[in-house]
Amino acid sequence: MIVADTESNELNRVAEQPQPDVEWILEGGVCMKLTQVDETTIDVSFDYWAPCESERHAQHYFVLWAESACRWSRLVVPLNLLDSV
């Protein structure tokens, strides 16, 4: 997923009513790579990038995207994984 500012996105922001509590994301993204190691194992790498105003802002992004990775893993890991051990 990549977020990029475009002319049409700018027009959408202008068309919205002013919202002082909304901050638009103008650039950034996430990338998840899945590599099959063998018949029963995959390697997962997860990267993200975004401009940040401060260290605290960067930590906030990190937590949000880590939560996304955790939600994704719950979708792909079988619920009966522990039963098969």
N, C-alpha and C. Protein backbone atom coordinates (compact mmCIF):
# COMPACT_ATOMS: atom_id res chain seq x y z
N MET A 1 0.85 -1.16 0.00
CA MET A 1 0.00 0.00 0.00
C MET A 1 0.90 1.23 0.00
N ILE A 2 0.61 2.17 -0.88
CA ILE A 2 1.37 3.41 -0.95
C ILE A 2 0.39 4.57 -0.92
N VAL A 3 0.71 5.57 -0.12
CA VAL A 3 -0.08 6.80 -0.07
C VAL A 3 0.75 7.87 -0.77
N ALA A 4 0.19 8.49 -1.78
CA ALA A 4 0.89 9.56 -2.50
C ALA A 4 -0.06 10.72 -2.73
N ASP A 5 0.44 11.92 -2.58
CA ASP A 5 -0.38 13.09 -2.82
C ASP A 5 -0.48 13.33 -4.33
N THR A 6 -1.68 13.54 -4.81
CA THR A 6 -1.91 13.81 -6.22
C THR A 6 -2.81 15.03 -6.35
N GLU A 7 -2.94 15.50 -7.56
CA GLU A 7 -3.81 16.65 -7.80
C GLU A 7 -5.26 16.32 -7.45
N SER A 8 -5.72 15.11 -7.80
CA SER A 8 -7.11 14.75 -7.48
C SER A 8 -7.31 14.61 -5.96
N ASN A 9 -6.29 14.11 -5.24
CA ASN A 9 -6.39 14.05 -3.78
C ASN A 9 -6.49 15.45 -3.19
N GLU A 10 -5.72 16.38 -3.74
CA GLU A 10 -5.78 17.75 -3.25
C GLU A 10 -7.17 18.34 -3.48
N LEU A 11 -7.76 18.07 -4.64
CA LEU A 11 -9.11 18.55 -4.92
C LEU A 11 -10.12 17.95 -3.95
N ASN A 12 -9.95 16.68 -3.59
CA ASN A 12 -10.84 16.05 -2.60
C ASN A 12 -10.71 16.73 -1.24
N ARG A 13 -9.49 17.03 -0.84
CA ARG A 13 -9.28 17.70 0.45
C ARG A 13 -9.92 19.08 0.46
N VAL A 14 -9.79 19.81 -0.65
CA VAL A 14 -10.37 21.14 -0.75
C VAL A 14 -11.90 21.06 -0.70
N ALA A 15 -12.48 20.02 -1.30
CA ALA A 15 -13.93 19.86 -1.34
C ALA A 15 -14.52 19.51 0.02
N GLU A 16 -13.73 18.90 0.91
CA GLU A 16 -14.22 18.53 2.24
C GLU A 16 -14.46 19.79 3.07
N GLN A 17 -15.41 19.70 3.98
CA GLN A 17 -15.62 20.79 4.93
C GLN A 17 -14.40 20.90 5.83
N PRO A 18 -14.04 22.10 6.27
CA PRO A 18 -12.89 22.22 7.19
C PRO A 18 -13.10 21.36 8.44
N GLN A 19 -12.09 20.58 8.78
CA GLN A 19 -12.14 19.70 9.94
C GLN A 19 -10.85 19.90 10.74
N PRO A 20 -10.89 20.72 11.78
CA PRO A 20 -9.65 21.03 12.51
C PRO A 20 -9.00 19.82 13.18
N ASP A 21 -9.76 18.76 13.44
CA ASP A 21 -9.20 17.59 14.11
C ASP A 21 -8.73 16.52 13.12
N VAL A 22 -8.70 16.83 11.81
CA VAL A 22 -8.26 15.88 10.79
C VAL A 22 -6.93 16.33 10.22
N GLU A 23 -5.98 15.40 10.17
CA GLU A 23 -4.70 15.67 9.53
C GLU A 23 -4.55 14.69 8.37
N TRP A 24 -4.43 15.19 7.16
CA TRP A 24 -4.36 14.36 5.97
C TRP A 24 -2.98 13.74 5.83
N ILE A 25 -2.93 12.47 5.48
CA ILE A 25 -1.66 11.80 5.17
C ILE A 25 -1.36 12.08 3.70
N LEU A 26 -0.18 12.64 3.44
CA LEU A 26 0.17 13.01 2.08
C LEU A 26 1.15 12.05 1.43
N GLU A 27 1.87 11.29 2.23
CA GLU A 27 2.78 10.30 1.66
C GLU A 27 3.11 9.25 2.71
N GLY A 28 3.53 8.09 2.25
CA GLY A 28 3.90 7.00 3.14
C GLY A 28 3.48 5.68 2.52
N GLY A 29 3.72 4.61 3.25
CA GLY A 29 3.30 3.32 2.73
C GLY A 29 3.76 2.16 3.58
N VAL A 30 3.29 1.00 3.22
CA VAL A 30 3.67 -0.25 3.88
C VAL A 30 3.93 -1.30 2.80
N CYS A 31 4.79 -2.24 3.12
CA CYS A 31 5.10 -3.32 2.19
C CYS A 31 5.27 -4.60 2.99
N MET A 32 4.55 -5.63 2.62
CA MET A 32 4.69 -6.92 3.27
C MET A 32 5.12 -7.93 2.21
N LYS A 33 6.21 -8.64 2.50
CA LYS A 33 6.75 -9.62 1.56
C LYS A 33 6.66 -11.01 2.19
N LEU A 34 6.06 -11.95 1.48
CA LEU A 34 5.94 -13.33 1.93
C LEU A 34 6.82 -14.21 1.04
N THR A 35 7.71 -14.98 1.66
CA THR A 35 8.60 -15.87 0.91
C THR A 35 8.45 -17.28 1.44
N GLN A 36 8.14 -18.23 0.56
CA GLN A 36 8.02 -19.62 0.97
C GLN A 36 9.41 -20.20 1.17
N VAL A 37 9.70 -20.66 2.39
CA VAL A 37 11.00 -21.24 2.72
C VAL A 37 11.01 -22.73 2.38
N ASP A 38 9.96 -23.42 2.81
CA ASP A 38 9.80 -24.84 2.48
C ASP A 38 8.30 -25.16 2.50
N GLU A 39 7.96 -26.44 2.54
CA GLU A 39 6.55 -26.83 2.47
C GLU A 39 5.70 -26.31 3.62
N THR A 40 6.30 -26.07 4.79
CA THR A 40 5.52 -25.70 5.96
C THR A 40 5.90 -24.35 6.55
N THR A 41 6.81 -23.62 5.91
CA THR A 41 7.32 -22.38 6.51
C THR A 41 7.32 -21.24 5.49
N ILE A 42 6.89 -20.06 5.96
CA ILE A 42 7.03 -18.86 5.15
C ILE A 42 7.79 -17.82 5.96
N ASP A 43 8.52 -16.97 5.27
CA ASP A 43 9.23 -15.86 5.88
C ASP A 43 8.43 -14.60 5.57
N VAL A 44 8.16 -13.78 6.60
CA VAL A 44 7.38 -12.56 6.42
C VAL A 44 8.25 -11.37 6.78
N SER A 45 8.35 -10.40 5.88
CA SER A 45 9.02 -9.14 6.22
C SER A 45 8.02 -8.02 6.02
N PHE A 46 8.08 -7.04 6.91
CA PHE A 46 7.12 -5.94 6.91
C PHE A 46 7.89 -4.64 7.06
N ASP A 47 7.76 -3.74 6.10
CA ASP A 47 8.43 -2.44 6.14
C ASP A 47 7.39 -1.34 5.99
N TYR A 48 7.71 -0.17 6.52
CA TYR A 48 6.83 0.98 6.38
C TYR A 48 7.66 2.25 6.29
N TRP A 49 7.08 3.29 5.72
CA TRP A 49 7.73 4.59 5.68
C TRP A 49 6.67 5.68 5.70
N ALA A 50 7.02 6.79 6.33
CA ALA A 50 6.13 7.94 6.41
C ALA A 50 6.91 9.12 6.97
N PRO A 51 6.57 10.32 6.53
CA PRO A 51 7.21 11.49 7.13
C PRO A 51 6.65 11.70 8.53
N CYS A 52 7.50 12.03 9.47
CA CYS A 52 7.06 12.20 10.86
C CYS A 52 7.50 13.57 11.38
N GLU A 53 6.66 14.15 12.21
CA GLU A 53 6.95 15.46 12.78
C GLU A 53 7.84 15.36 14.01
N SER A 54 7.85 14.20 14.67
CA SER A 54 8.63 14.05 15.90
C SER A 54 8.83 12.55 16.17
N GLU A 55 9.63 12.25 17.17
CA GLU A 55 9.84 10.86 17.58
C GLU A 55 8.53 10.24 18.05
N ARG A 56 7.76 11.01 18.79
CA ARG A 56 6.47 10.51 19.29
C ARG A 56 5.53 10.19 18.12
N HIS A 57 5.51 11.05 17.12
CA HIS A 57 4.69 10.82 15.93
C HIS A 57 5.13 9.53 15.24
N ALA A 58 6.44 9.31 15.13
CA ALA A 58 6.97 8.09 14.50
C ALA A 58 6.56 6.85 15.30
N GLN A 59 6.62 6.94 16.63
CA GLN A 59 6.22 5.81 17.47
C GLN A 59 4.73 5.50 17.29
N HIS A 60 3.93 6.54 17.13
CA HIS A 60 2.49 6.35 16.91
C HIS A 60 2.26 5.57 15.61
N TYR A 61 2.95 5.98 14.52
CA TYR A 61 2.86 5.24 13.25
C TYR A 61 3.29 3.79 13.43
N PHE A 62 4.39 3.59 14.16
CA PHE A 62 4.91 2.24 14.36
C PHE A 62 3.86 1.35 15.02
N VAL A 63 3.21 1.87 16.05
CA VAL A 63 2.18 1.10 16.76
C VAL A 63 1.00 0.80 15.83
N LEU A 64 0.56 1.80 15.06
CA LEU A 64 -0.57 1.57 14.15
C LEU A 64 -0.25 0.49 13.13
N TRP A 65 0.93 0.55 12.54
CA TRP A 65 1.27 -0.43 11.51
C TRP A 65 1.59 -1.79 12.11
N ALA A 66 2.11 -1.83 13.32
CA ALA A 66 2.31 -3.12 13.99
C ALA A 66 0.96 -3.78 14.26
N GLU A 67 -0.02 -2.98 14.67
CA GLU A 67 -1.37 -3.51 14.87
C GLU A 67 -1.93 -4.07 13.56
N SER A 68 -1.66 -3.40 12.45
CA SER A 68 -2.12 -3.90 11.15
C SER A 68 -1.50 -5.25 10.83
N ALA A 69 -0.21 -5.38 11.11
CA ALA A 69 0.47 -6.66 10.86
C ALA A 69 -0.11 -7.76 11.74
N CYS A 70 -0.42 -7.44 12.99
CA CYS A 70 -1.00 -8.44 13.90
C CYS A 70 -2.39 -8.86 13.42
N ARG A 71 -3.19 -7.89 12.99
CA ARG A 71 -4.53 -8.23 12.47
C ARG A 71 -4.41 -9.12 11.24
N TRP A 72 -3.46 -8.80 10.36
CA TRP A 72 -3.26 -9.60 9.15
C TRP A 72 -2.86 -11.02 9.54
N SER A 73 -1.95 -11.16 10.51
CA SER A 73 -1.49 -12.50 10.88
C SER A 73 -2.63 -13.34 11.44
N ARG A 74 -3.57 -12.72 12.14
CA ARG A 74 -4.72 -13.48 12.66
C ARG A 74 -5.59 -13.99 11.52
N LEU A 75 -5.56 -13.31 10.38
CA LEU A 75 -6.35 -13.75 9.23
C LEU A 75 -5.72 -14.94 8.52
N VAL A 76 -4.39 -15.02 8.53
CA VAL A 76 -3.73 -16.06 7.73
C VAL A 76 -3.27 -17.27 8.53
N VAL A 77 -3.15 -17.13 9.85
CA VAL A 77 -2.73 -18.27 10.67
C VAL A 77 -3.96 -19.09 11.02
N PRO A 78 -3.95 -20.38 10.75
CA PRO A 78 -5.11 -21.22 11.06
C PRO A 78 -5.43 -21.21 12.56
N LEU A 79 -6.71 -21.20 12.88
CA LEU A 79 -7.12 -21.20 14.28
C LEU A 79 -6.75 -22.50 14.98
N ASN A 80 -6.61 -23.59 14.25
CA ASN A 80 -6.31 -24.88 14.86
C ASN A 80 -4.80 -25.15 14.91
N LEU A 81 -3.98 -24.13 14.76
CA LEU A 81 -2.53 -24.31 14.73
C LEU A 81 -2.02 -24.98 16.01
N LEU A 82 -2.53 -24.57 17.16
CA LEU A 82 -2.06 -25.16 18.42
C LEU A 82 -2.53 -26.60 18.59
N ASP A 83 -3.67 -26.93 18.03
CA ASP A 83 -4.17 -28.30 18.13
C ASP A 83 -3.30 -29.29 17.37
N SER A 84 -2.59 -28.83 16.36
CA SER A 84 -1.81 -29.74 15.52
C SER A 84 -0.44 -30.07 16.10
N VAL A 85 -0.08 -29.48 17.24
CA VAL A 85 1.24 -29.74 17.84
C VAL A 85 1.23 -31.00 18.65
